[in-house]
C-alpha atoms as a PDB file:
ATOM      1  CA  MET A   1     103.858  67.492  76.042  1.00  0.00           C
ATOM      2  CA  THR A   2     105.975  67.198  73.261  1.00  0.00           C
ATOM      3  CA  ASP A   3     102.561  68.111  70.678  1.00  0.00           C
ATOM      4  CA  LEU A   4     102.693  71.848  72.309  1.00  0.00           C
ATOM      5  CA  SER A   5     102.513  74.023  69.531  1.00  0.00           C
ATOM      6  CA  PRO A   6     105.787  76.612  68.891  1.00  0.00           C
ATOM      7  CA  SER A   7     105.078  79.115  70.803  1.00  0.00           C
ATOM      8  CA  ALA A   8     103.632  77.400  73.769  1.00  0.00           C
ATOM      9  CA  ARG A   9     106.320  74.749  74.087  1.00  0.00           C
ATOM     10  CA  ARG A  10     108.672  77.950  74.139  1.00  0.00           C
ATOM     11  CA  VAL A  11     106.171  78.709  77.647  1.00  0.00           C
ATOM     12  CA  GLN A  12     106.821  75.625  78.842  1.00  0.00           C
ATOM     13  CA  ASP A  13     110.476  75.321  78.614  1.00  0.00           C
ATOM     14  CA  LEU A  14     110.891  78.805  79.954  1.00  0.00           C
ATOM     15  CA  LEU A  15     108.680  76.927  83.339  1.00  0.00           C
ATOM     16  CA  ASP A  16     110.668  74.148  82.831  1.00  0.00           C
ATOM     17  CA  ARG A  17     114.130  76.480  83.780  1.00  0.00           C
ATOM     18  CA  ILE A  18     112.385  77.991  86.702  1.00  0.00           C
ATOM     19  CA  GLY A  19     111.588  74.365  88.329  1.00  0.00           C
ATOM     20  CA  LEU A  20     108.085  74.483  90.241  1.00  0.00           C
ATOM     21  CA  GLY A  21     106.528  71.976  88.144  1.00  0.00           C
ATOM     22  CA  HIS A  22     104.292  73.924  86.043  1.00  0.00           C
ATOM     23  CA  ARG A  23     102.649  72.992  83.496  1.00  0.00           C
ATOM     24  CA  VAL A  24     101.101  74.373  79.929  1.00  0.00           C
ATOM     25  CA  VAL A  25      97.888  72.714  78.707  1.00  0.00           C
ATOM     26  CA  GLU A  26      96.680  73.535  75.301  1.00  0.00           C
ATOM     27  CA  HIS A  27      92.897  73.894  74.812  1.00  0.00           C
ATOM     28  CA  GLU A  28      90.902  73.026  71.885  1.00  0.00           C
ATOM     29  CA  GLY A  29      88.957  76.182  71.912  1.00  0.00           C
ATOM     30  CA  SER A  30      89.507  79.622  72.709  1.00  0.00           C
ATOM     31  CA  THR A  31      91.151  80.767  75.979  1.00  0.00           C
ATOM     32  CA  ARG A  32      91.831  84.277  74.093  1.00  0.00           C
ATOM     33  CA  THR A  33      89.036  85.893  76.614  1.00  0.00           C
ATOM     34  CA  SER A  34      88.940  85.609  80.461  1.00  0.00           C
ATOM     35  CA  GLU A  35      85.576  84.152  79.842  1.00  0.00           C
ATOM     36  CA  ASP A  36      86.783  81.508  77.392  1.00  0.00           C
ATOM     37  CA  ALA A  37      89.847  80.667  79.450  1.00  0.00           C
ATOM     38  CA  ALA A  38      87.540  80.417  82.739  1.00  0.00           C
ATOM     39  CA  ASN A  39      85.009  78.630  80.864  1.00  0.00           C
ATOM     40  CA  ALA A  40      88.012  76.213  79.619  1.00  0.00           C
ATOM     41  CA  VAL A  41      89.661  75.828  83.058  1.00  0.00           C
ATOM     42  CA  GLY A  42      86.705  75.430  85.120  1.00  0.00           C
ATOM     43  CA  CYS A  43      87.335  78.416  87.282  1.00  0.00           C
ATOM     44  CA  THR A  44      85.885  81.784  88.052  1.00  0.00           C
ATOM     45  CA  VAL A  45      86.509  84.674  85.791  1.00  0.00           C
ATOM     46  CA  ALA A  46      88.661  86.451  88.502  1.00  0.00           C
ATOM     47  CA  GLU A  47      91.585  83.993  88.814  1.00  0.00           C
ATOM     48  CA  ILE A  48      92.124  84.550  85.365  1.00  0.00           C
ATOM     49  CA  ALA A  49      95.771  86.674  85.382  1.00  0.00           C
ATOM     50  CA  LYS A  50      95.080  88.354  81.835  1.00  0.00           C
ATOM     51  CA  SER A  51      98.265  89.642  80.553  1.00  0.00           C
ATOM     52  CA  LEU A  52      97.508  93.491  78.913  1.00  0.00           C
ATOM     53  CA  ILE A  53     100.324  95.080  77.239  1.00  0.00           C
ATOM     54  CA  PHE A  54     100.343  99.168  76.977  1.00  0.00           C
ATOM     55  CA  ARG A  55     103.445 101.153  76.065  1.00  0.00           C
ATOM     56  CA  GLY A  56     105.157 104.052  77.919  1.00  0.00           C
ATOM     57  CA  LYS A  57     103.991 107.019  76.047  1.00  0.00           C
ATOM     58  CA  ASP A  58     106.990 109.012  76.152  1.00  0.00           C
ATOM     59  CA  SER A  59     109.913 106.310  76.842  1.00  0.00           C
ATOM     60  CA  GLY A  60     108.028 103.963  74.472  1.00  0.00           C
ATOM     61  CA  ARG A  61     108.737 101.466  76.813  1.00  0.00           C
ATOM     62  CA  PRO A  62     106.297  98.260  77.540  1.00  0.00           C
ATOM     63  CA  VAL A  63     104.696  98.036  80.084  1.00  0.00           C
ATOM     64  CA  LEU A  64     102.691  94.345  81.283  1.00  0.00           C
ATOM     65  CA  VAL A  65     100.002  94.633  83.391  1.00  0.00           C
ATOM     66  CA  VAL A  66      98.744  91.789  84.744  1.00  0.00           C
ATOM     67  CA  ALA A  67      95.217  92.044  86.335  1.00  0.00           C
ATOM     68  CA  SER A  68      92.685  89.809  87.194  1.00  0.00           C
ATOM     69  CA  GLY A  69      90.033  88.795  84.398  1.00  0.00           C
ATOM     70  CA  ALA A  70      87.443  90.257  86.693  1.00  0.00           C
ATOM     71  CA  ASN A  71      88.735  93.402  86.422  1.00  0.00           C
ATOM     72  CA  ARG A  72      89.155  96.618  84.160  1.00  0.00           C
ATOM     73  CA  VAL A  73      92.750  98.084  84.576  1.00  0.00           C
ATOM     74  CA  ASP A  74      92.366 101.739  85.334  1.00  0.00           C
ATOM     75  CA  GLU A  75      95.300 103.510  82.778  1.00  0.00           C
ATOM     76  CA  LYS A  76      95.399 106.299  84.405  1.00  0.00           C
ATOM     77  CA  ALA A  77      96.231 105.091  87.874  1.00  0.00           C
ATOM     78  CA  VAL A  78      98.562 102.892  86.277  1.00  0.00           C
ATOM     79  CA  GLY A  79     100.745 105.626  84.901  1.00  0.00           C
ATOM     80  CA  ARG A  80     100.732 107.447  88.049  1.00  0.00           C
ATOM     81  CA  LEU A  81     101.997 104.441  89.578  1.00  0.00           C
ATOM     82  CA  ILE A  82     104.785 104.080  86.965  1.00  0.00           C
ATOM     83  CA  GLY A  83     105.370 108.105  86.306  1.00  0.00           C
ATOM     84  CA  GLU A  84     104.236 108.126  82.900  1.00  0.00           C
ATOM     85  CA  LYS A  85     101.209 107.827  81.120  1.00  0.00           C
ATOM     86  CA  ILE A  86     100.501 104.769  78.760  1.00  0.00           C
ATOM     87  CA  GLU A  87      98.570 104.285  75.907  1.00  0.00           C
ATOM     88  CA  ARG A  88      97.376 101.224  74.392  1.00  0.00           C
ATOM     89  CA  ALA A  89      99.308  98.967  72.591  1.00  0.00           C
ATOM     90  CA  ASP A  90      98.861  97.908  68.938  1.00  0.00           C
ATOM     91  CA  PRO A  91      99.139  94.345  67.956  1.00  0.00           C
ATOM     92  CA  ASP A  92     102.726  95.119  65.996  1.00  0.00           C
ATOM     93  CA  PHE A  93     103.992  96.568  69.255  1.00  0.00           C
ATOM     94  CA  VAL A  94     102.744  93.867  71.397  1.00  0.00           C
ATOM     95  CA  ARG A  95     104.296  90.970  69.265  1.00  0.00           C
ATOM     96  CA  ASP A  96     107.651  92.732  68.827  1.00  0.00           C
ATOM     97  CA  SER A  97     107.605  93.285  72.510  1.00  0.00           C
ATOM     98  CA  THR A  98     106.240  90.319  73.832  1.00  0.00           C
ATOM     99  CA  GLY A  99     107.583  87.504  71.069  1.00  0.00           C
ATOM    100  CA  PHE A 100     104.078  85.994  71.083  1.00  0.00           C
ATOM    101  CA  ALA A 101     100.138  87.592  69.521  1.00  0.00           C
ATOM    102  CA  ILE A 102      97.514  89.326  71.195  1.00  0.00           C
ATOM    103  CA  GLY A 103      95.107  86.890  73.412  1.00  0.00           C
ATOM    104  CA  GLY A 104      98.304  84.513  73.602  1.00  0.00           C
ATOM    105  CA  VAL A 105     100.984  86.788  75.685  1.00  0.00           C
ATOM    106  CA  PRO A 106     102.043  84.898  78.799  1.00  0.00           C
ATOM    107  CA  PRO A 107     103.096  86.637  81.679  1.00  0.00           C
ATOM    108  CA  ILE A 108     107.493  85.865  81.237  1.00  0.00           C
ATOM    109  CA  GLY A 109     109.391  85.210  78.024  1.00  0.00           C
ATOM    110  CA  HIS A 110     109.022  88.291  77.210  1.00  0.00           C
ATOM    111  CA  ALA A 111     111.550  89.659  73.907  1.00  0.00           C
ATOM    112  CA  VAL A 112     112.086  93.099  75.783  1.00  0.00           C
ATOM    113  CA  PRO A 113     111.536  93.235  79.245  1.00  0.00           C
ATOM    114  CA  PRO A 114     108.475  94.904  80.067  1.00  0.00           C
ATOM    115  CA  LEU A 115     107.827  97.054  83.474  1.00  0.00           C
ATOM    116  CA  VAL A 116     104.987  94.929  85.426  1.00  0.00           C
ATOM    117  CA  LEU A 117     102.546  95.326  87.511  1.00  0.00           C
ATOM    118  CA  VAL A 118     100.378  92.855  89.148  1.00  0.00           C
ATOM    119  CA  ASP A 119      96.585  93.396  89.856  1.00  0.00           C
ATOM    120  CA  ALA A 120      96.411  93.733  94.000  1.00  0.00           C
ATOM    121  CA  ASP A 121      93.071  91.562  93.624  1.00  0.00           C
ATOM    122  CA  LEU A 122      95.163  88.756  92.565  1.00  0.00           C
ATOM    123  CA  MET A 123      96.945  88.162  95.433  1.00  0.00           C
ATOM    124  CA  ALA A 124      93.777  87.371  98.013  1.00  0.00           C
ATOM    125  CA  LEU A 125      93.318  84.014  95.324  1.00  0.00           C
ATOM    126  CA  ASP A 126      95.037  80.506  96.000  1.00  0.00           C
ATOM    127  CA  ARG A 127      95.734  79.227  92.576  1.00  0.00           C
ATOM    128  CA  ILE A 128      95.272  81.458  89.197  1.00  0.00           C
ATOM    129  CA  TRP A 129      95.866  80.717  85.395  1.00  0.00           C
ATOM    130  CA  ALA A 130      97.825  82.877  82.884  1.00  0.00           C
ATOM    131  CA  ALA A 131      98.070  82.584  79.196  1.00  0.00           C
ATOM    132  CA  ALA A 132     100.810  80.350  77.356  1.00  0.00           C
ATOM    133  CA  GLY A 133     102.127  81.938  73.921  1.00  0.00           C
ATOM    134  CA  THR A 134      99.202  81.212  72.129  1.00  0.00           C
ATOM    135  CA  PRO A 135      95.045  82.012  72.322  1.00  0.00           C
ATOM    136  CA  ASN A 136      94.495  78.731  73.657  1.00  0.00           C
ATOM    137  CA  ALA A 137      97.167  77.877  75.835  1.00  0.00           C
ATOM    138  CA  VAL A 138      97.633  78.064  79.536  1.00  0.00           C
ATOM    139  CA  PHE A 139      99.272  77.369  82.962  1.00  0.00           C
ATOM    140  CA  GLN A 140      98.659  77.402  86.668  1.00  0.00           C
ATOM    141  CA  LEU A 141     100.238  79.038  89.528  1.00  0.00           C
ATOM    142  CA  THR A 142      99.773  80.783  92.564  1.00  0.00           C
ATOM    143  CA  PRO A 143      99.409  84.314  92.770  1.00  0.00           C
ATOM    144  CA  ALA A 144     103.014  84.878  95.013  1.00  0.00           C
ATOM    145  CA  GLN A 145     104.996  82.530  91.764  1.00  0.00           C
ATOM    146  CA  LEU A 146     103.208  85.688  89.630  1.00  0.00           C
ATOM    147  CA  VAL A 147     105.230  87.608  91.338  1.00  0.00           C
ATOM    148  CA  SER A 148     108.237  85.936  91.346  1.00  0.00           C
ATOM    149  CA  MET A 149     108.361  84.916  88.432  1.00  0.00           C
ATOM    150  CA  THR A 150     107.477  88.663  86.954  1.00  0.00           C
ATOM    151  CA  GLY A 151     109.148  90.292  89.605  1.00  0.00           C
ATOM    152  CA  GLY A 152     106.302  92.546  89.520  1.00  0.00           C
ATOM    153  CA  ARG A 153     105.457  95.330  91.551  1.00  0.00           C
ATOM    154  CA  VAL A 154     101.841  94.559  93.620  1.00  0.00           C
ATOM    155  CA  GLU A 155      99.361  97.369  92.754  1.00  0.00           C
ATOM    156  CA  VAL A 156      95.924  98.246  92.826  1.00  0.00           C
ATOM    157  CA  VAL A 157      95.022  98.593  89.640  1.00  0.00           C
ATOM    158  CA  ARG A 158      91.643  98.329  88.809  1.00  0.00           C
ATOM    159  CA  LYS A 159      89.139 100.905  87.704  1.00  0.00           C
ATOM    160  CA  GLY A 160      86.369 101.698  89.995  1.00  0.00           C
END
């Protein structure tokens, strides 16, 4: 594990503190998109838990939506759920609020604690994979562990 990149090592250290035995895996190829990640780990796109950062339109607060890789997020529904319209976050906001670059944002360890919503569709799965700090690092966990780690609210966030 000593050969992890610095950002992936940060995520592994957080996981070690949680103490459930999760292991960050860095791949040679990209896991930046849900499709790339699913191909790398040998799972379905639905089993990829993608971390999407939005910005509260009025508060400026980061909003993390952890969605199934197979789903598109309904931004209007998310706004209704949190009581504030949201807007897409630019790369600088993502890096400043999470400490990570787009494509590698994990669901935990953010510089600014976000409001977290977890896609209800993830809860039907046995195991899921989440980004781990770089565009080629992931770790496996259960949906219940995701909710516990993030303190997220399980909601229907998919479009359609």
